[in-house]
């Protein structure tokens, strides 16, 4: 359809609203990775509100990392963090 993935996300914003996941993730470790210059998924519009909602719900196991750059983050940028976080939280 017109607008591609971005159009789908905008038209289905309730379905893709991260806030609806807060109850299910309230007691689970959560890793959030973003990029400060991401214009497709701005940190201040998505990642920060989700992290704040998880913390407000009592989740003290939220790890948040904001990298420089935009939406084009590469695996090499965050792979070490992801591997470390998985080893600590998912065994």
Foldseek 3Di string as FASTA:
>chain_A
DPPPPLVVCVVPVVVVQLLVCLVVCLAAAEEEEEECAAPSAHCVVHVVVNVVSSVVSPRPRYHYDYHYDYPPDDCVVCVVVVVVCCVVGPD
